[in-house]
Amino acid sequence: MNSVKIFSFLLIPGIIALASCSNNNSKTTTTDSTSTVSEKITAAVDTAKAALTPDPNKSFANDAASDNMKELAWLQAGIDHGTNKELKAHAKMMLKDHAALAGEVNVYAAKKAWQLPTVDTIGLATLADKPGKEWDNAWVDKMVDAHQDAIDKFEKAQGQVTDPDLKAIIDKTLPTLHSHYDMMKKMQDNMSSMK
Protein backbone atom coordinates (compact mmCIF):
# COMPACT_ATOMS: atom_id res chain seq x y z
CA MET A 1 0.00 0.00 0.00
CA ASN A 2 2.79 2.32 0.83
CA SER A 3 4.17 1.86 -2.66
CA VAL A 4 0.75 2.76 -4.11
CA LYS A 5 0.67 5.93 -2.01
CA ILE A 6 4.19 6.82 -3.10
CA PHE A 7 3.31 6.11 -6.75
CA SER A 8 0.14 8.22 -6.47
CA PHE A 9 2.15 10.96 -4.77
CA LEU A 10 4.56 10.99 -7.70
CA LEU A 11 1.83 10.61 -10.34
CA ILE A 12 -0.33 13.54 -9.20
CA PRO A 13 2.30 16.26 -9.90
CA GLY A 14 2.87 14.72 -13.36
CA ILE A 15 -0.83 14.83 -14.14
CA ILE A 16 -1.01 18.43 -12.90
CA ALA A 17 2.00 19.28 -15.06
CA LEU A 18 0.42 17.61 -18.10
CA ALA A 19 -2.88 19.37 -17.48
CA SER A 20 -1.03 22.63 -17.08
CA CYS A 21 0.77 22.08 -20.38
CA SER A 22 -2.48 21.14 -22.00
CA ASN A 23 -4.09 24.38 -20.75
CA ASN A 24 -1.14 26.40 -22.02
CA ASN A 25 -1.49 24.77 -25.41
CA SER A 26 -5.18 25.47 -25.34
CA LYS A 27 -4.53 29.11 -24.48
CA THR A 28 -1.86 29.36 -27.15
CA THR A 29 -4.17 27.82 -29.70
CA THR A 30 -6.92 30.20 -28.68
CA THR A 31 -4.51 33.12 -28.81
CA ASP A 32 -3.11 31.89 -32.14
CA SER A 33 -6.63 31.35 -33.41
CA THR A 34 -7.63 34.82 -32.23
CA SER A 35 -4.52 36.32 -33.83
CA THR A 36 -5.24 34.51 -37.06
CA VAL A 37 -8.84 35.72 -37.08
CA SER A 38 -7.69 39.24 -36.24
CA GLU A 39 -5.08 39.12 -38.99
CA LYS A 40 -7.68 37.85 -41.46
CA ILE A 41 -10.07 40.66 -40.54
CA THR A 42 -7.30 43.23 -40.87
CA ALA A 43 -6.31 41.80 -44.26
CA ALA A 44 -9.94 41.86 -45.43
CA VAL A 45 -10.35 45.48 -44.32
CA ASP A 46 -7.11 46.44 -46.10
CA THR A 47 -8.29 44.69 -49.27
CA ALA A 48 -11.65 46.47 -49.08
CA LYS A 49 -9.91 49.83 -48.58
CA ALA A 50 -7.65 49.15 -51.56
CA ALA A 51 -10.67 48.26 -53.69
CA LEU A 52 -12.42 51.47 -52.67
CA THR A 53 -9.33 53.65 -53.13
CA PRO A 54 -8.80 54.24 -56.82
CA ASP A 55 -5.39 53.64 -58.34
CA PRO A 56 -3.98 57.16 -58.88
CA ASN A 57 -2.21 56.01 -62.04
CA LYS A 58 -5.35 54.59 -63.63
CA SER A 59 -7.49 57.52 -62.45
CA PHE A 60 -5.12 60.04 -64.01
CA ALA A 61 -4.80 58.07 -67.25
CA ASN A 62 -8.61 57.90 -67.52
CA ASP A 63 -9.03 61.62 -66.81
CA ALA A 64 -6.22 62.63 -69.14
CA ALA A 65 -7.61 60.49 -71.98
CA SER A 66 -11.15 61.78 -71.50
CA ASP A 67 -10.15 65.45 -71.24
CA ASN A 68 -7.80 65.11 -74.20
CA MET A 69 -10.54 63.64 -76.41
CA LYS A 70 -12.69 66.68 -75.63
CA GLU A 71 -9.75 68.97 -76.34
CA LEU A 72 -9.20 67.29 -79.72
CA ALA A 73 -12.84 67.95 -80.61
CA TRP A 74 -12.51 71.62 -79.67
CA LEU A 75 -9.29 71.96 -81.65
CA GLN A 76 -10.91 70.42 -84.71
CA ALA A 77 -13.82 72.85 -84.28
CA GLY A 78 -11.32 75.71 -84.29
CA ILE A 79 -9.88 74.48 -87.57
CA ASP A 80 -13.33 73.91 -89.11
CA HIS A 81 -15.17 77.02 -87.85
CA GLY A 82 -12.56 79.59 -86.92
CA THR A 83 -12.38 82.68 -89.11
CA ASN A 84 -9.07 84.00 -87.79
CA LYS A 85 -6.00 82.65 -89.66
CA GLU A 86 -3.85 82.74 -86.52
CA LEU A 87 -6.52 80.82 -84.59
CA LYS A 88 -6.64 78.12 -87.26
CA ALA A 89 -2.84 77.84 -87.36
CA HIS A 90 -2.66 77.53 -83.56
CA ALA A 91 -5.48 74.98 -83.56
CA LYS A 92 -3.64 72.82 -86.14
CA MET A 93 -0.40 72.95 -84.15
CA MET A 94 -2.14 72.14 -80.85
CA LEU A 95 -4.15 69.36 -82.52
CA LYS A 96 -0.87 67.67 -83.49
CA ASP A 97 0.45 67.91 -79.90
CA HIS A 98 -2.78 66.64 -78.35
CA ALA A 99 -2.98 63.76 -80.85
CA ALA A 100 0.56 62.78 -79.81
CA LEU A 101 -0.51 62.88 -76.14
CA ALA A 102 -3.52 60.68 -76.93
CA GLY A 103 -1.18 58.17 -78.56
CA GLU A 104 1.17 58.10 -75.57
CA VAL A 105 -1.65 57.63 -73.07
CA ASN A 106 -3.21 54.90 -75.23
CA VAL A 107 0.10 53.03 -75.45
CA TYR A 108 0.59 53.36 -71.69
CA ALA A 109 -2.93 52.06 -70.98
CA ALA A 110 -2.49 49.17 -73.41
CA LYS A 111 0.68 48.08 -71.57
CA LYS A 112 -1.35 48.02 -68.35
CA ALA A 113 -4.28 46.26 -70.07
CA TRP A 114 -6.58 49.13 -69.07
CA GLN A 115 -9.60 50.12 -71.09
CA LEU A 116 -9.68 53.91 -71.35
CA PRO A 117 -13.04 55.67 -71.36
CA THR A 118 -14.62 56.81 -74.57
CA VAL A 119 -16.20 60.21 -74.88
CA ASP A 120 -18.99 61.08 -77.25
CA THR A 121 -17.65 64.29 -78.78
CA ILE A 122 -20.47 64.74 -81.31
CA GLY A 123 -21.92 68.17 -80.71
CA LEU A 124 -19.49 68.80 -77.85
CA ALA A 125 -17.43 71.54 -79.46
CA THR A 126 -20.17 73.98 -80.27
CA LEU A 127 -20.57 77.56 -79.26
CA ALA A 128 -23.82 79.51 -79.20
CA ASP A 129 -22.57 82.18 -81.59
CA LYS A 130 -22.34 81.59 -85.31
CA PRO A 131 -18.84 81.42 -86.77
CA GLY A 132 -17.26 84.83 -86.93
CA LYS A 133 -15.40 87.16 -84.61
CA GLU A 134 -17.58 86.35 -81.57
CA TRP A 135 -17.15 82.63 -82.16
CA ASP A 136 -13.38 83.03 -82.44
CA ASN A 137 -13.31 84.99 -79.16
CA ALA A 138 -15.43 82.38 -77.38
CA TRP A 139 -13.24 79.56 -78.76
CA VAL A 140 -10.03 81.25 -77.56
CA ASP A 141 -11.63 81.79 -74.11
CA LYS A 142 -12.49 78.07 -74.05
CA MET A 143 -8.90 77.14 -74.97
CA VAL A 144 -7.43 79.34 -72.23
CA ASP A 145 -9.73 77.75 -69.63
CA ALA A 146 -9.18 74.21 -70.92
CA HIS A 147 -5.41 74.54 -70.88
CA GLN A 148 -5.37 76.09 -67.41
CA ASP A 149 -7.49 73.18 -66.19
CA ALA A 150 -5.16 70.66 -67.87
CA ILE A 151 -2.08 72.29 -66.34
CA ASP A 152 -3.67 72.16 -62.88
CA LYS A 153 -4.55 68.46 -63.28
CA PHE A 154 -1.12 67.49 -64.63
CA GLU A 155 0.71 69.41 -61.89
CA LYS A 156 -1.46 67.82 -59.19
CA ALA A 157 -0.86 64.39 -60.73
CA GLN A 158 2.92 64.87 -60.47
CA GLY A 159 2.57 64.34 -56.72
CA GLN A 160 0.01 61.55 -56.93
CA VAL A 161 0.96 59.10 -59.66
CA THR A 162 3.49 56.44 -58.78
CA ASP A 163 4.27 54.82 -62.11
CA PRO A 164 7.54 56.15 -63.61
CA ASP A 165 6.26 55.77 -67.19
CA LEU A 166 3.20 57.87 -66.43
CA LYS A 167 5.31 60.44 -64.57
CA ALA A 168 7.47 60.71 -67.70
CA ILE A 169 4.39 61.42 -69.84
CA ILE A 170 3.29 64.11 -67.37
CA ASP A 171 6.74 65.70 -67.22
CA LYS A 172 7.01 65.70 -71.02
CA THR A 173 3.51 67.13 -71.52
CA LEU A 174 3.50 69.95 -68.98
CA PRO A 175 5.82 72.30 -70.93
CA THR A 176 3.65 71.80 -74.02
CA LEU A 177 0.50 72.61 -72.06
CA HIS A 178 2.15 75.74 -70.66
CA SER A 179 3.18 76.75 -74.18
CA HIS A 180 -0.38 76.25 -75.46
CA TYR A 181 -1.79 78.23 -72.54
CA ASP A 182 0.64 81.12 -73.05
CA MET A 183 -0.12 81.19 -76.77
CA MET A 184 -3.90 81.19 -76.21
CA LYS A 185 -3.66 83.74 -73.39
CA LYS A 186 -1.68 86.09 -75.65
CA MET A 187 -4.25 85.63 -78.40
CA GLN A 188 -7.07 86.25 -75.91
CA ASP A 189 -5.40 89.47 -74.76
CA ASN A 190 -4.88 90.62 -78.37
CA MET A 191 -8.51 89.87 -79.29
CA SER A 192 -9.76 91.68 -76.17
CA SER A 193 -7.77 94.80 -77.08
CA MET A 194 -9.39 94.82 -80.56
CA LYS A 195 -12.95 94.79 -79.21
C-alpha atoms as a PDB file:
ATOM      1  CA  MET A   1       0.000   0.000   0.000  1.00  0.00           C
ATOM      2  CA  ASN A   2       2.790   2.316   0.826  1.00  0.00           C
ATOM      3  CA  SER A   3       4.169   1.861  -2.661  1.00  0.00           C
ATOM      4  CA  VAL A   4       0.746   2.758  -4.109  1.00  0.00           C
ATOM      5  CA  LYS A   5       0.671   5.926  -2.007  1.00  0.00           C
ATOM      6  CA  ILE A   6       4.188   6.818  -3.098  1.00  0.00           C
ATOM      7  CA  PHE A   7       3.312   6.113  -6.747  1.00  0.00           C
ATOM      8  CA  SER A   8       0.136   8.218  -6.467  1.00  0.00           C
ATOM      9  CA  PHE A   9       2.145  10.958  -4.771  1.00  0.00           C
ATOM     10  CA  LEU A  10       4.563  10.989  -7.700  1.00  0.00           C
ATOM     11  CA  LEU A  11       1.833  10.607 -10.343  1.00  0.00           C
ATOM     12  CA  ILE A  12      -0.334  13.543  -9.199  1.00  0.00           C
ATOM     13  CA  PRO A  13       2.296  16.264  -9.897  1.00  0.00           C
ATOM     14  CA  GLY A  14       2.874  14.715 -13.359  1.00  0.00           C
ATOM     15  CA  ILE A  15      -0.832  14.826 -14.140  1.00  0.00           C
ATOM     16  CA  ILE A  16      -1.011  18.425 -12.900  1.00  0.00           C
ATOM     17  CA  ALA A  17       2.002  19.279 -15.061  1.00  0.00           C
ATOM     18  CA  LEU A  18       0.417  17.614 -18.105  1.00  0.00           C
ATOM     19  CA  ALA A  19      -2.877  19.370 -17.475  1.00  0.00           C
ATOM     20  CA  SER A  20      -1.029  22.626 -17.084  1.00  0.00           C
ATOM     21  CA  CYS A  21       0.771  22.077 -20.380  1.00  0.00           C
ATOM     22  CA  SER A  22      -2.485  21.137 -21.998  1.00  0.00           C
ATOM     23  CA  ASN A  23      -4.094  24.380 -20.749  1.00  0.00           C
ATOM     24  CA  ASN A  24      -1.142  26.400 -22.018  1.00  0.00           C
ATOM     25  CA  ASN A  25      -1.492  24.773 -25.409  1.00  0.00           C
ATOM     26  CA  SER A  26      -5.183  25.466 -25.342  1.00  0.00           C
ATOM     27  CA  LYS A  27      -4.528  29.114 -24.480  1.00  0.00           C
ATOM     28  CA  THR A  28      -1.863  29.357 -27.150  1.00  0.00           C
ATOM     29  CA  THR A  29      -4.174  27.816 -29.701  1.00  0.00           C
ATOM     30  CA  THR A  30      -6.920  30.198 -28.685  1.00  0.00           C
ATOM     31  CA  THR A  31      -4.505  33.124 -28.811  1.00  0.00           C
ATOM     32  CA  ASP A  32      -3.105  31.892 -32.140  1.00  0.00           C
ATOM     33  CA  SER A  33      -6.628  31.347 -33.405  1.00  0.00           C
ATOM     34  CA  THR A  34      -7.635  34.819 -32.234  1.00  0.00           C
ATOM     35  CA  SER A  35      -4.519  36.322 -33.827  1.00  0.00           C
ATOM     36  CA  THR A  36      -5.242  34.514 -37.064  1.00  0.00           C
ATOM     37  CA  VAL A  37      -8.843  35.721 -37.076  1.00  0.00           C
ATOM     38  CA  SER A  38      -7.692  39.240 -36.244  1.00  0.00           C
ATOM     39  CA  GLU A  39      -5.081  39.121 -38.994  1.00  0.00           C
ATOM     40  CA  LYS A  40      -7.678  37.848 -41.464  1.00  0.00           C
ATOM     41  CA  ILE A  41     -10.070  40.657 -40.538  1.00  0.00           C
ATOM     42  CA  THR A  42      -7.296  43.233 -40.874  1.00  0.00           C
ATOM     43  CA  ALA A  43      -6.312  41.798 -44.257  1.00  0.00           C
ATOM     44  CA  ALA A  44      -9.944  41.859 -45.428  1.00  0.00           C
ATOM     45  CA  VAL A  45     -10.347  45.479 -44.320  1.00  0.00           C
ATOM     46  CA  ASP A  46      -7.108  46.437 -46.101  1.00  0.00           C
ATOM     47  CA  THR A  47      -8.294  44.686 -49.267  1.00  0.00           C
ATOM     48  CA  ALA A  48     -11.646  46.466 -49.080  1.00  0.00           C
ATOM     49  CA  LYS A  49      -9.910  49.830 -48.579  1.00  0.00           C
ATOM     50  CA  ALA A  50      -7.650  49.147 -51.559  1.00  0.00           C
ATOM     51  CA  ALA A  51     -10.674  48.258 -53.685  1.00  0.00           C
ATOM     52  CA  LEU A  52     -12.422  51.475 -52.674  1.00  0.00           C
ATOM     53  CA  THR A  53      -9.330  53.647 -53.127  1.00  0.00           C
ATOM     54  CA  PRO A  54      -8.798  54.243 -56.821  1.00  0.00           C
ATOM     55  CA  ASP A  55      -5.390  53.641 -58.338  1.00  0.00           C
ATOM     56  CA  PRO A  56      -3.982  57.165 -58.882  1.00  0.00           C
ATOM     57  CA  ASN A  57      -2.208  56.013 -62.040  1.00  0.00           C
ATOM     58  CA  LYS A  58      -5.350  54.587 -63.626  1.00  0.00           C
ATOM     59  CA  SER A  59      -7.489  57.519 -62.451  1.00  0.00           C
ATOM     60  CA  PHE A  60      -5.123  60.044 -64.005  1.00  0.00           C
ATOM     61  CA  ALA A  61      -4.798  58.070 -67.249  1.00  0.00           C
ATOM     62  CA  ASN A  62      -8.606  57.901 -67.518  1.00  0.00           C
ATOM     63  CA  ASP A  63      -9.029  61.615 -66.807  1.00  0.00           C
ATOM     64  CA  ALA A  64      -6.218  62.631 -69.145  1.00  0.00           C
ATOM     65  CA  ALA A  65      -7.607  60.490 -71.976  1.00  0.00           C
ATOM     66  CA  SER A  66     -11.152  61.775 -71.505  1.00  0.00           C
ATOM     67  CA  ASP A  67     -10.151  65.447 -71.241  1.00  0.00           C
ATOM     68  CA  ASN A  68      -7.797  65.111 -74.195  1.00  0.00           C
ATOM     69  CA  MET A  69     -10.537  63.640 -76.410  1.00  0.00           C
ATOM     70  CA  LYS A  70     -12.691  66.684 -75.631  1.00  0.00           C
ATOM     71  CA  GLU A  71      -9.746  68.972 -76.345  1.00  0.00           C
ATOM     72  CA  LEU A  72      -9.196  67.294 -79.718  1.00  0.00           C
ATOM     73  CA  ALA A  73     -12.841  67.946 -80.613  1.00  0.00           C
ATOM     74  CA  TRP A  74     -12.505  71.623 -79.666  1.00  0.00           C
ATOM     75  CA  LEU A  75      -9.287  71.964 -81.650  1.00  0.00           C
ATOM     76  CA  GLN A  76     -10.908  70.422 -84.710  1.00  0.00           C
ATOM     77  CA  ALA A  77     -13.819  72.847 -84.284  1.00  0.00           C
ATOM     78  CA  GLY A  78     -11.323  75.712 -84.286  1.00  0.00           C
ATOM     79  CA  ILE A  79      -9.882  74.476 -87.572  1.00  0.00           C
ATOM     80  CA  ASP A  80     -13.326  73.911 -89.106  1.00  0.00           C
ATOM     81  CA  HIS A  81     -15.168  77.017 -87.853  1.00  0.00           C
ATOM     82  CA  GLY A  82     -12.557  79.594 -86.920  1.00  0.00           C
ATOM     83  CA  THR A  83     -12.379  82.676 -89.113  1.00  0.00           C
ATOM     84  CA  ASN A  84      -9.073  83.999 -87.786  1.00  0.00           C
ATOM     85  CA  LYS A  85      -6.004  82.650 -89.655  1.00  0.00           C
ATOM     86  CA  GLU A  86      -3.851  82.741 -86.519  1.00  0.00           C
ATOM     87  CA  LEU A  87      -6.516  80.817 -84.591  1.00  0.00           C
ATOM     88  CA  LYS A  88      -6.642  78.125 -87.264  1.00  0.00           C
ATOM     89  CA  ALA A  89      -2.840  77.836 -87.358  1.00  0.00           C
ATOM     90  CA  HIS A  90      -2.663  77.529 -83.557  1.00  0.00           C
ATOM     91  CA  ALA A  91      -5.477  74.981 -83.557  1.00  0.00           C
ATOM     92  CA  LYS A  92      -3.640  72.824 -86.136  1.00  0.00           C
ATOM     93  CA  MET A  93      -0.403  72.947 -84.151  1.00  0.00           C
ATOM     94  CA  MET A  94      -2.137  72.139 -80.855  1.00  0.00           C
ATOM     95  CA  LEU A  95      -4.150  69.358 -82.520  1.00  0.00           C
ATOM     96  CA  LYS A  96      -0.869  67.670 -83.492  1.00  0.00           C
ATOM     97  CA  ASP A  97       0.447  67.914 -79.902  1.00  0.00           C
ATOM     98  CA  HIS A  98      -2.781  66.635 -78.355  1.00  0.00           C
ATOM     99  CA  ALA A  99      -2.982  63.760 -80.855  1.00  0.00           C
ATOM    100  CA  ALA A 100       0.555  62.776 -79.809  1.00  0.00           C
ATOM    101  CA  LEU A 101      -0.512  62.883 -76.140  1.00  0.00           C
ATOM    102  CA  ALA A 102      -3.518  60.684 -76.929  1.00  0.00           C
ATOM    103  CA  GLY A 103      -1.180  58.171 -78.559  1.00  0.00           C
ATOM    104  CA  GLU A 104       1.167  58.096 -75.571  1.00  0.00           C
ATOM    105  CA  VAL A 105      -1.655  57.633 -73.068  1.00  0.00           C
ATOM    106  CA  ASN A 106      -3.209  54.904 -75.229  1.00  0.00           C
ATOM    107  CA  VAL A 107       0.104  53.025 -75.455  1.00  0.00           C
ATOM    108  CA  TYR A 108       0.592  53.358 -71.691  1.00  0.00           C
ATOM    109  CA  ALA A 109      -2.935  52.065 -70.978  1.00  0.00           C
ATOM    110  CA  ALA A 110      -2.486  49.172 -73.408  1.00  0.00           C
ATOM    111  CA  LYS A 111       0.685  48.084 -71.568  1.00  0.00           C
ATOM    112  CA  LYS A 112      -1.354  48.021 -68.346  1.00  0.00           C
ATOM    113  CA  ALA A 113      -4.278  46.257 -70.067  1.00  0.00           C
ATOM    114  CA  TRP A 114      -6.584  49.134 -69.073  1.00  0.00           C
ATOM    115  CA  GLN A 115      -9.603  50.119 -71.087  1.00  0.00           C
ATOM    116  CA  LEU A 116      -9.681  53.913 -71.352  1.00  0.00           C
ATOM    117  CA  PRO A 117     -13.040  55.674 -71.361  1.00  0.00           C
ATOM    118  CA  THR A 118     -14.622  56.807 -74.572  1.00  0.00           C
ATOM    119  CA  VAL A 119     -16.201  60.214 -74.880  1.00  0.00           C
ATOM    120  CA  ASP A 120     -18.990  61.080 -77.251  1.00  0.00           C
ATOM    121  CA  THR A 121     -17.653  64.288 -78.779  1.00  0.00           C
ATOM    122  CA  ILE A 122     -20.469  64.740 -81.306  1.00  0.00           C
ATOM    123  CA  GLY A 123     -21.915  68.170 -80.709  1.00  0.00           C
ATOM    124  CA  LEU A 124     -19.495  68.798 -77.847  1.00  0.00           C
ATOM    125  CA  ALA A 125     -17.431  71.536 -79.461  1.00  0.00           C
ATOM    126  CA  THR A 126     -20.172  73.983 -80.266  1.00  0.00           C
ATOM    127  CA  LEU A 127     -20.566  77.559 -79.258  1.00  0.00           C
ATOM    128  CA  ALA A 128     -23.821  79.514 -79.200  1.00  0.00           C
ATOM    129  CA  ASP A 129     -22.565  82.181 -81.587  1.00  0.00           C
ATOM    130  CA  LYS A 130     -22.339  81.587 -85.313  1.00  0.00           C
ATOM    131  CA  PRO A 131     -18.836  81.421 -86.773  1.00  0.00           C
ATOM    132  CA  GLY A 132     -17.261  84.827 -86.925  1.00  0.00           C
ATOM    133  CA  LYS A 133     -15.395  87.162 -84.610  1.00  0.00           C
ATOM    134  CA  GLU A 134     -17.576  86.351 -81.568  1.00  0.00           C
ATOM    135  CA  TRP A 135     -17.151  82.627 -82.163  1.00  0.00           C
ATOM    136  CA  ASP A 136     -13.382  83.033 -82.437  1.00  0.00           C
ATOM    137  CA  ASN A 137     -13.315  84.990 -79.156  1.00  0.00           C
ATOM    138  CA  ALA A 138     -15.431  82.378 -77.377  1.00  0.00           C
ATOM    139  CA  TRP A 139     -13.245  79.563 -78.756  1.00  0.00           C
ATOM    140  CA  VAL A 140     -10.033  81.248 -77.558  1.00  0.00           C
ATOM    141  CA  ASP A 141     -11.626  81.789 -74.109  1.00  0.00           C
ATOM    142  CA  LYS A 142     -12.487  78.068 -74.045  1.00  0.00           C
ATOM    143  CA  MET A 143      -8.902  77.136 -74.975  1.00  0.00           C
ATOM    144  CA  VAL A 144      -7.433  79.341 -72.235  1.00  0.00           C
ATOM    145  CA  ASP A 145      -9.731  77.754 -69.627  1.00  0.00           C
ATOM    146  CA  ALA A 146      -9.179  74.207 -70.920  1.00  0.00           C
ATOM    147  CA  HIS A 147      -5.407  74.541 -70.882  1.00  0.00           C
ATOM    148  CA  GLN A 148      -5.369  76.087 -67.407  1.00  0.00           C
ATOM    149  CA  ASP A 149      -7.493  73.181 -66.190  1.00  0.00           C
ATOM    150  CA  ALA A 150      -5.157  70.660 -67.872  1.00  0.00           C
ATOM    151  CA  ILE A 151      -2.078  72.290 -66.344  1.00  0.00           C
ATOM    152  CA  ASP A 152      -3.673  72.155 -62.884  1.00  0.00           C
ATOM    153  CA  LYS A 153      -4.546  68.461 -63.280  1.00  0.00           C
ATOM    154  CA  PHE A 154      -1.117  67.491 -64.630  1.00  0.00           C
ATOM    155  CA  GLU A 155       0.711  69.412 -61.885  1.00  0.00           C
ATOM    156  CA  LYS A 156      -1.458  67.815 -59.194  1.00  0.00           C
ATOM    157  CA  ALA A 157      -0.858  64.392 -60.731  1.00  0.00           C
ATOM    158  CA  GLN A 158       2.915  64.867 -60.475  1.00  0.00           C
ATOM    159  CA  GLY A 159       2.567  64.339 -56.722  1.00  0.00           C
ATOM    160  CA  GLN A 160       0.006  61.546 -56.931  1.00  0.00           C
ATOM    161  CA  VAL A 161       0.959  59.103 -59.659  1.00  0.00           C
ATOM    162  CA  THR A 162       3.485  56.441 -58.777  1.00  0.00           C
ATOM    163  CA  ASP A 163       4.274  54.818 -62.109  1.00  0.00           C
ATOM    164  CA  PRO A 164       7.545  56.155 -63.607  1.00  0.00           C
ATOM    165  CA  ASP A 165       6.260  55.771 -67.186  1.00  0.00           C
ATOM    166  CA  LEU A 166       3.199  57.866 -66.426  1.00  0.00           C
ATOM    167  CA  LYS A 167       5.312  60.436 -64.572  1.00  0.00           C
ATOM    168  CA  ALA A 168       7.470  60.706 -67.699  1.00  0.00           C
ATOM    169  CA  ILE A 169       4.390  61.424 -69.838  1.00  0.00           C
ATOM    170  CA  ILE A 170       3.290  64.113 -67.371  1.00  0.00           C
ATOM    171  CA  ASP A 171       6.742  65.701 -67.221  1.00  0.00           C
ATOM    172  CA  LYS A 172       7.011  65.696 -71.020  1.00  0.00           C
ATOM    173  CA  THR A 173       3.508  67.129 -71.525  1.00  0.00           C
ATOM    174  CA  LEU A 174       3.497  69.953 -68.976  1.00  0.00           C
ATOM    175  CA  PRO A 175       5.824  72.298 -70.926  1.00  0.00           C
ATOM    176  CA  THR A 176       3.652  71.799 -74.020  1.00  0.00           C
ATOM    177  CA  LEU A 177       0.498  72.614 -72.058  1.00  0.00           C
ATOM    178  CA  HIS A 178       2.153  75.744 -70.661  1.00  0.00           C
ATOM    179  CA  SER A 179       3.175  76.752 -74.183  1.00  0.00           C
ATOM    180  CA  HIS A 180      -0.384  76.247 -75.460  1.00  0.00           C
ATOM    181  CA  TYR A 181      -1.795  78.226 -72.539  1.00  0.00           C
ATOM    182  CA  ASP A 182       0.637  81.115 -73.055  1.00  0.00           C
ATOM    183  CA  MET A 183      -0.124  81.192 -76.771  1.00  0.00           C
ATOM    184  CA  MET A 184      -3.898  81.194 -76.205  1.00  0.00           C
ATOM    185  CA  LYS A 185      -3.663  83.743 -73.392  1.00  0.00           C
ATOM    186  CA  LYS A 186      -1.683  86.095 -75.650  1.00  0.00           C
ATOM    187  CA  MET A 187      -4.250  85.627 -78.400  1.00  0.00           C
ATOM    188  CA  GLN A 188      -7.069  86.247 -75.913  1.00  0.00           C
ATOM    189  CA  ASP A 189      -5.403  89.475 -74.759  1.00  0.00           C
ATOM    190  CA  ASN A 190      -4.884  90.619 -78.366  1.00  0.00           C
ATOM    191  CA  MET A 191      -8.513  89.870 -79.289  1.00  0.00           C
ATOM    192  CA  SER A 192      -9.759  91.682 -76.171  1.00  0.00           C
ATOM    193  CA  SER A 193      -7.774  94.801 -77.085  1.00  0.00           C
ATOM    194  CA  MET A 194      -9.393  94.817 -80.565  1.00  0.00           C
ATOM    195  CA  LYS A 195     -12.945  94.793 -79.213  1.00  0.00           C
END
